[in-house]
Amino acid sequence: MFDIVLYQPEIPPNTGNILRLAANSGSRLNLVEPLGFSISEAAVRRAGMDYAELAEVVVHENWPACRASLARRRVFALSTRGTVRYDQVSYQPGDAFLFGPETSGLPQAVLDEIPPERRLRLPMVPGNRSINLSNTVAILVFEAWRQQGFTGGG
């Protein structure tokens, strides 16, 4: 239903949590290299990414390759620099949600490729850095899925 895109993720347990979310929400997980960890079978098990067989996962060698694969989809970027609150958007099946690396967020050049009205943010208490990546992904995916009546869910 949705595409979750992790741009150069760094922390294996976050990616594992997001992989589990993708499996349980019917979303596809896109990983944009370089990754900050190995995705070998043993490494995947250690990182809690053992839901890999239950979710569709696509690894892209770089952002242009990922962007090309999403060419016909609306892409929304989540960033502390976003200007549109995530709950003020009407999501559609097939939308893609782009998230940056845990320690730095999306590079400005990548964020600039996304139209300003699709640069989203989560509300937070002023002065805090950010919300954990896997929590942010869960908040957005469940809002988008809720808007679709949790289609495919039990």
C-alpha atoms as a PDB file:
ATOM      1  CA  MET A   1       0.000   0.000   0.000  1.00  0.00           C
ATOM      2  CA  PHE A   2       2.768   2.477   0.944  1.00  0.00           C
ATOM      3  CA  ASP A   3       6.500   2.690   0.381  1.00  0.00           C
ATOM      4  CA  ILE A   4       8.754   3.459   3.334  1.00  0.00           C
ATOM      5  CA  VAL A   5      12.114   4.798   2.175  1.00  0.00           C
ATOM      6  CA  LEU A   6      15.099   4.884   4.525  1.00  0.00           C
ATOM      7  CA  TYR A   7      17.862   7.027   3.067  1.00  0.00           C
ATOM      8  CA  GLN A   8      21.208   5.674   4.268  1.00  0.00           C
ATOM      9  CA  PRO A   9      19.946   4.244   7.580  1.00  0.00           C
ATOM     10  CA  GLU A  10      22.605   3.864  10.271  1.00  0.00           C
ATOM     11  CA  ILE A  11      21.149   1.967  13.235  1.00  0.00           C
ATOM     12  CA  PRO A  12      20.218  -1.694  12.672  1.00  0.00           C
ATOM     13  CA  PRO A  13      17.602  -1.970  15.469  1.00  0.00           C
ATOM     14  CA  ASN A  14      15.699   1.036  14.048  1.00  0.00           C
ATOM     15  CA  THR A  15      15.656  -0.586  10.624  1.00  0.00           C
ATOM     16  CA  GLY A  16      14.550  -3.845  12.253  1.00  0.00           C
ATOM     17  CA  ASN A  17      11.634  -2.092  13.942  1.00  0.00           C
ATOM     18  CA  ILE A  18      10.679  -0.412  10.682  1.00  0.00           C
ATOM     19  CA  LEU A  19      10.914  -3.719   8.820  1.00  0.00           C
ATOM     20  CA  ARG A  20       8.499  -5.230  11.331  1.00  0.00           C
ATOM     21  CA  LEU A  21       6.168  -2.248  10.849  1.00  0.00           C
ATOM     22  CA  ALA A  22       6.337  -2.682   7.065  1.00  0.00           C
ATOM     23  CA  ALA A  23       5.449  -6.374   7.382  1.00  0.00           C
ATOM     24  CA  ASN A  24       2.505  -5.641   9.657  1.00  0.00           C
ATOM     25  CA  SER A  25       1.130  -2.699   7.676  1.00  0.00           C
ATOM     26  CA  GLY A  26       1.524  -4.154   4.191  1.00  0.00           C
ATOM     27  CA  SER A  27       4.112  -1.537   3.246  1.00  0.00           C
ATOM     28  CA  ARG A  28       7.243  -2.026   1.161  1.00  0.00           C
ATOM     29  CA  LEU A  29      10.580  -1.050   2.736  1.00  0.00           C
ATOM     30  CA  ASN A  30      13.126   0.663   0.491  1.00  0.00           C
ATOM     31  CA  LEU A  31      16.717   0.967   1.740  1.00  0.00           C
ATOM     32  CA  VAL A  32      19.006   3.476   0.019  1.00  0.00           C
ATOM     33  CA  GLU A  33      22.705   2.633   0.159  1.00  0.00           C
ATOM     34  CA  PRO A  34      25.174   3.070   1.625  1.00  0.00           C
ATOM     35  CA  LEU A  35      23.764   1.390   4.722  1.00  0.00           C
ATOM     36  CA  GLY A  36      25.388   1.811   8.102  1.00  0.00           C
ATOM     37  CA  PHE A  37      25.238  -1.947   8.697  1.00  0.00           C
ATOM     38  CA  SER A  38      25.380  -5.311   6.971  1.00  0.00           C
ATOM     39  CA  ILE A  39      22.218  -6.979   5.729  1.00  0.00           C
ATOM     40  CA  SER A  40      23.726 -10.459   5.659  1.00  0.00           C
ATOM     41  CA  GLU A  41      21.463 -13.190   7.043  1.00  0.00           C
ATOM     42  CA  ALA A  42      23.371 -13.394  10.356  1.00  0.00           C
ATOM     43  CA  ALA A  43      23.459  -9.619  10.778  1.00  0.00           C
ATOM     44  CA  VAL A  44      19.745  -9.371  10.016  1.00  0.00           C
ATOM     45  CA  ARG A  45      18.943 -11.900  12.748  1.00  0.00           C
ATOM     46  CA  ARG A  46      21.174 -10.108  15.287  1.00  0.00           C
ATOM     47  CA  ALA A  47      19.546  -6.738  14.544  1.00  0.00           C
ATOM     48  CA  GLY A  48      16.036  -8.067  15.027  1.00  0.00           C
ATOM     49  CA  MET A  49      15.301  -7.764  11.323  1.00  0.00           C
ATOM     50  CA  ASP A  50      14.039 -11.324  11.156  1.00  0.00           C
ATOM     51  CA  TYR A  51      10.765 -10.118   9.681  1.00  0.00           C
ATOM     52  CA  ALA A  52      12.558  -9.776   6.351  1.00  0.00           C
ATOM     53  CA  GLU A  53      10.768 -12.822   4.936  1.00  0.00           C
ATOM     54  CA  LEU A  54       7.391 -11.262   5.823  1.00  0.00           C
ATOM     55  CA  ALA A  55       7.942  -7.896   4.167  1.00  0.00           C
ATOM     56  CA  GLU A  56       8.949  -6.728   0.727  1.00  0.00           C
ATOM     57  CA  VAL A  57      12.374  -5.096   0.958  1.00  0.00           C
ATOM     58  CA  VAL A  58      14.129  -3.351  -1.929  1.00  0.00           C
ATOM     59  CA  VAL A  59      17.727  -2.169  -1.677  1.00  0.00           C
ATOM     60  CA  HIS A  60      18.708   0.712  -3.988  1.00  0.00           C
ATOM     61  CA  GLU A  61      22.342   1.491  -4.755  1.00  0.00           C
ATOM     62  CA  ASN A  62      21.748   5.237  -4.392  1.00  0.00           C
ATOM     63  CA  TRP A  63      19.077   7.925  -4.154  1.00  0.00           C
ATOM     64  CA  PRO A  64      18.714   8.494  -7.950  1.00  0.00           C
ATOM     65  CA  ALA A  65      17.993   4.772  -8.433  1.00  0.00           C
ATOM     66  CA  CYS A  66      15.406   4.818  -5.654  1.00  0.00           C
ATOM     67  CA  ARG A  67      13.856   8.035  -6.940  1.00  0.00           C
ATOM     68  CA  ALA A  68      13.533   6.498 -10.418  1.00  0.00           C
ATOM     69  CA  SER A  69      11.748   3.456  -8.993  1.00  0.00           C
ATOM     70  CA  LEU A  70       9.248   5.779  -7.284  1.00  0.00           C
ATOM     71  CA  ALA A  71       8.771   8.022 -10.332  1.00  0.00           C
ATOM     72  CA  ARG A  72       4.997   7.602 -10.495  1.00  0.00           C
ATOM     73  CA  ARG A  73       4.408   7.956  -6.754  1.00  0.00           C
ATOM     74  CA  ARG A  74       3.950  10.956  -4.535  1.00  0.00           C
ATOM     75  CA  VAL A  75       6.984  11.193  -2.266  1.00  0.00           C
ATOM     76  CA  PHE A  76       6.702  12.864   1.127  1.00  0.00           C
ATOM     77  CA  ALA A  77       9.849  13.689   3.099  1.00  0.00           C
ATOM     78  CA  LEU A  78       9.824  13.760   6.889  1.00  0.00           C
ATOM     79  CA  SER A  79      12.162  16.303   8.405  1.00  0.00           C
ATOM     80  CA  THR A  80      12.470  18.607  11.382  1.00  0.00           C
ATOM     81  CA  ARG A  81      12.825  21.227   8.605  1.00  0.00           C
ATOM     82  CA  GLY A  82       9.448  20.293   7.109  1.00  0.00           C
ATOM     83  CA  THR A  83       6.732  22.930   7.092  1.00  0.00           C
ATOM     84  CA  VAL A  84       3.541  20.850   6.743  1.00  0.00           C
ATOM     85  CA  ARG A  85       2.236  18.934   9.737  1.00  0.00           C
ATOM     86  CA  TYR A  86       1.929  15.222   8.878  1.00  0.00           C
ATOM     87  CA  ASP A  87      -1.745  15.078   9.924  1.00  0.00           C
ATOM     88  CA  GLN A  88      -2.781  17.837   7.505  1.00  0.00           C
ATOM     89  CA  VAL A  89      -2.257  15.679   4.398  1.00  0.00           C
ATOM     90  CA  SER A  90      -4.716  13.393   2.606  1.00  0.00           C
ATOM     91  CA  TYR A  91      -2.666  10.295   1.832  1.00  0.00           C
ATOM     92  CA  GLN A  92      -3.326   7.903  -1.037  1.00  0.00           C
ATOM     93  CA  PRO A  93      -2.409   4.269  -1.616  1.00  0.00           C
ATOM     94  CA  GLY A  94       0.986   4.186  -3.314  1.00  0.00           C
ATOM     95  CA  ASP A  95       2.395   7.214  -1.500  1.00  0.00           C
ATOM     96  CA  ALA A  96       6.053   6.972  -0.473  1.00  0.00           C
ATOM     97  CA  PHE A  97       7.514   8.303   2.762  1.00  0.00           C
ATOM     98  CA  LEU A  98      11.192   9.310   2.808  1.00  0.00           C
ATOM     99  CA  PHE A  99      13.229   9.417   6.023  1.00  0.00           C
ATOM    100  CA  GLY A 100      16.851  10.439   6.534  1.00  0.00           C
ATOM    101  CA  PRO A 101      19.686   8.932   8.555  1.00  0.00           C
ATOM    102  CA  GLU A 102      19.273   8.908  12.314  1.00  0.00           C
ATOM    103  CA  THR A 103      22.195  11.198  13.131  1.00  0.00           C
ATOM    104  CA  SER A 104      21.795  13.856  10.464  1.00  0.00           C
ATOM    105  CA  GLY A 105      18.402  13.663   8.759  1.00  0.00           C
ATOM    106  CA  LEU A 106      17.951  14.138   5.036  1.00  0.00           C
ATOM    107  CA  PRO A 107      20.643  16.117   3.227  1.00  0.00           C
ATOM    108  CA  GLN A 108      19.364  19.484   2.042  1.00  0.00           C
ATOM    109  CA  ALA A 109      19.983  18.512  -1.608  1.00  0.00           C
ATOM    110  CA  VAL A 110      17.650  15.494  -1.262  1.00  0.00           C
ATOM    111  CA  LEU A 111      15.059  17.501   0.669  1.00  0.00           C
ATOM    112  CA  ASP A 112      15.148  20.159  -2.072  1.00  0.00           C
ATOM    113  CA  GLU A 113      13.982  17.522  -4.595  1.00  0.00           C
ATOM    114  CA  ILE A 114      10.696  17.206  -2.699  1.00  0.00           C
ATOM    115  CA  PRO A 115       8.074  19.922  -3.276  1.00  0.00           C
ATOM    116  CA  PRO A 116       7.651  22.144  -0.179  1.00  0.00           C
ATOM    117  CA  GLU A 117       4.042  20.995   0.325  1.00  0.00           C
ATOM    118  CA  ARG A 118       5.329  17.416   0.690  1.00  0.00           C
ATOM    119  CA  ARG A 119       8.004  18.211   3.288  1.00  0.00           C
ATOM    120  CA  LEU A 120       6.358  17.044   6.469  1.00  0.00           C
ATOM    121  CA  ARG A 121       7.085  17.403  10.151  1.00  0.00           C
ATOM    122  CA  LEU A 122       5.822  15.947  13.399  1.00  0.00           C
ATOM    123  CA  PRO A 123       4.873  18.402  16.137  1.00  0.00           C
ATOM    124  CA  MET A 124       7.344  18.372  19.031  1.00  0.00           C
ATOM    125  CA  VAL A 125       8.178  20.407  22.082  1.00  0.00           C
ATOM    126  CA  PRO A 126      10.453  23.276  20.943  1.00  0.00           C
ATOM    127  CA  GLY A 127      14.161  22.843  21.606  1.00  0.00           C
ATOM    128  CA  ASN A 128      14.234  19.055  21.207  1.00  0.00           C
ATOM    129  CA  ARG A 129      16.245  17.506  18.368  1.00  0.00           C
ATOM    130  CA  SER A 130      13.933  14.871  16.928  1.00  0.00           C
ATOM    131  CA  ILE A 131      11.791  11.818  17.581  1.00  0.00           C
ATOM    132  CA  ASN A 132      13.338   8.357  17.141  1.00  0.00           C
ATOM    133  CA  LEU A 133      13.293   7.272  13.502  1.00  0.00           C
ATOM    134  CA  SER A 134      11.297   4.068  13.996  1.00  0.00           C
ATOM    135  CA  ASN A 135       8.697   5.957  16.063  1.00  0.00           C
ATOM    136  CA  THR A 136       8.424   8.656  13.405  1.00  0.00           C
ATOM    137  CA  VAL A 137       7.904   6.078  10.673  1.00  0.00           C
ATOM    138  CA  ALA A 138       5.215   4.330  12.748  1.00  0.00           C
ATOM    139  CA  ILE A 139       3.352   7.578  13.418  1.00  0.00           C
ATOM    140  CA  LEU A 140       3.221   8.513   9.738  1.00  0.00           C
ATOM    141  CA  VAL A 141       2.460   5.056   8.332  1.00  0.00           C
ATOM    142  CA  PHE A 142      -0.376   4.490  10.789  1.00  0.00           C
ATOM    143  CA  GLU A 143      -1.903   7.902  10.039  1.00  0.00           C
ATOM    144  CA  ALA A 144      -1.771   7.200   6.303  1.00  0.00           C
ATOM    145  CA  TRP A 145      -3.157   3.687   6.810  1.00  0.00           C
ATOM    146  CA  ARG A 146      -5.884   4.994   9.145  1.00  0.00           C
ATOM    147  CA  GLN A 147      -6.992   7.352   6.387  1.00  0.00           C
ATOM    148  CA  GLN A 148      -7.396   4.296   4.134  1.00  0.00           C
ATOM    149  CA  GLY A 149      -9.613   2.569   6.728  1.00  0.00           C
ATOM    150  CA  PHE A 150      -6.767   0.173   7.638  1.00  0.00           C
ATOM    151  CA  THR A 151      -7.363  -1.633   4.339  1.00  0.00           C
ATOM    152  CA  GLY A 152      -5.949  -5.150   4.486  1.00  0.00           C
ATOM    153  CA  GLY A 153      -5.679  -5.099   8.279  1.00  0.00           C
ATOM    154  CA  GLY A 154      -7.520  -7.331  10.653  1.00  0.00           C
END
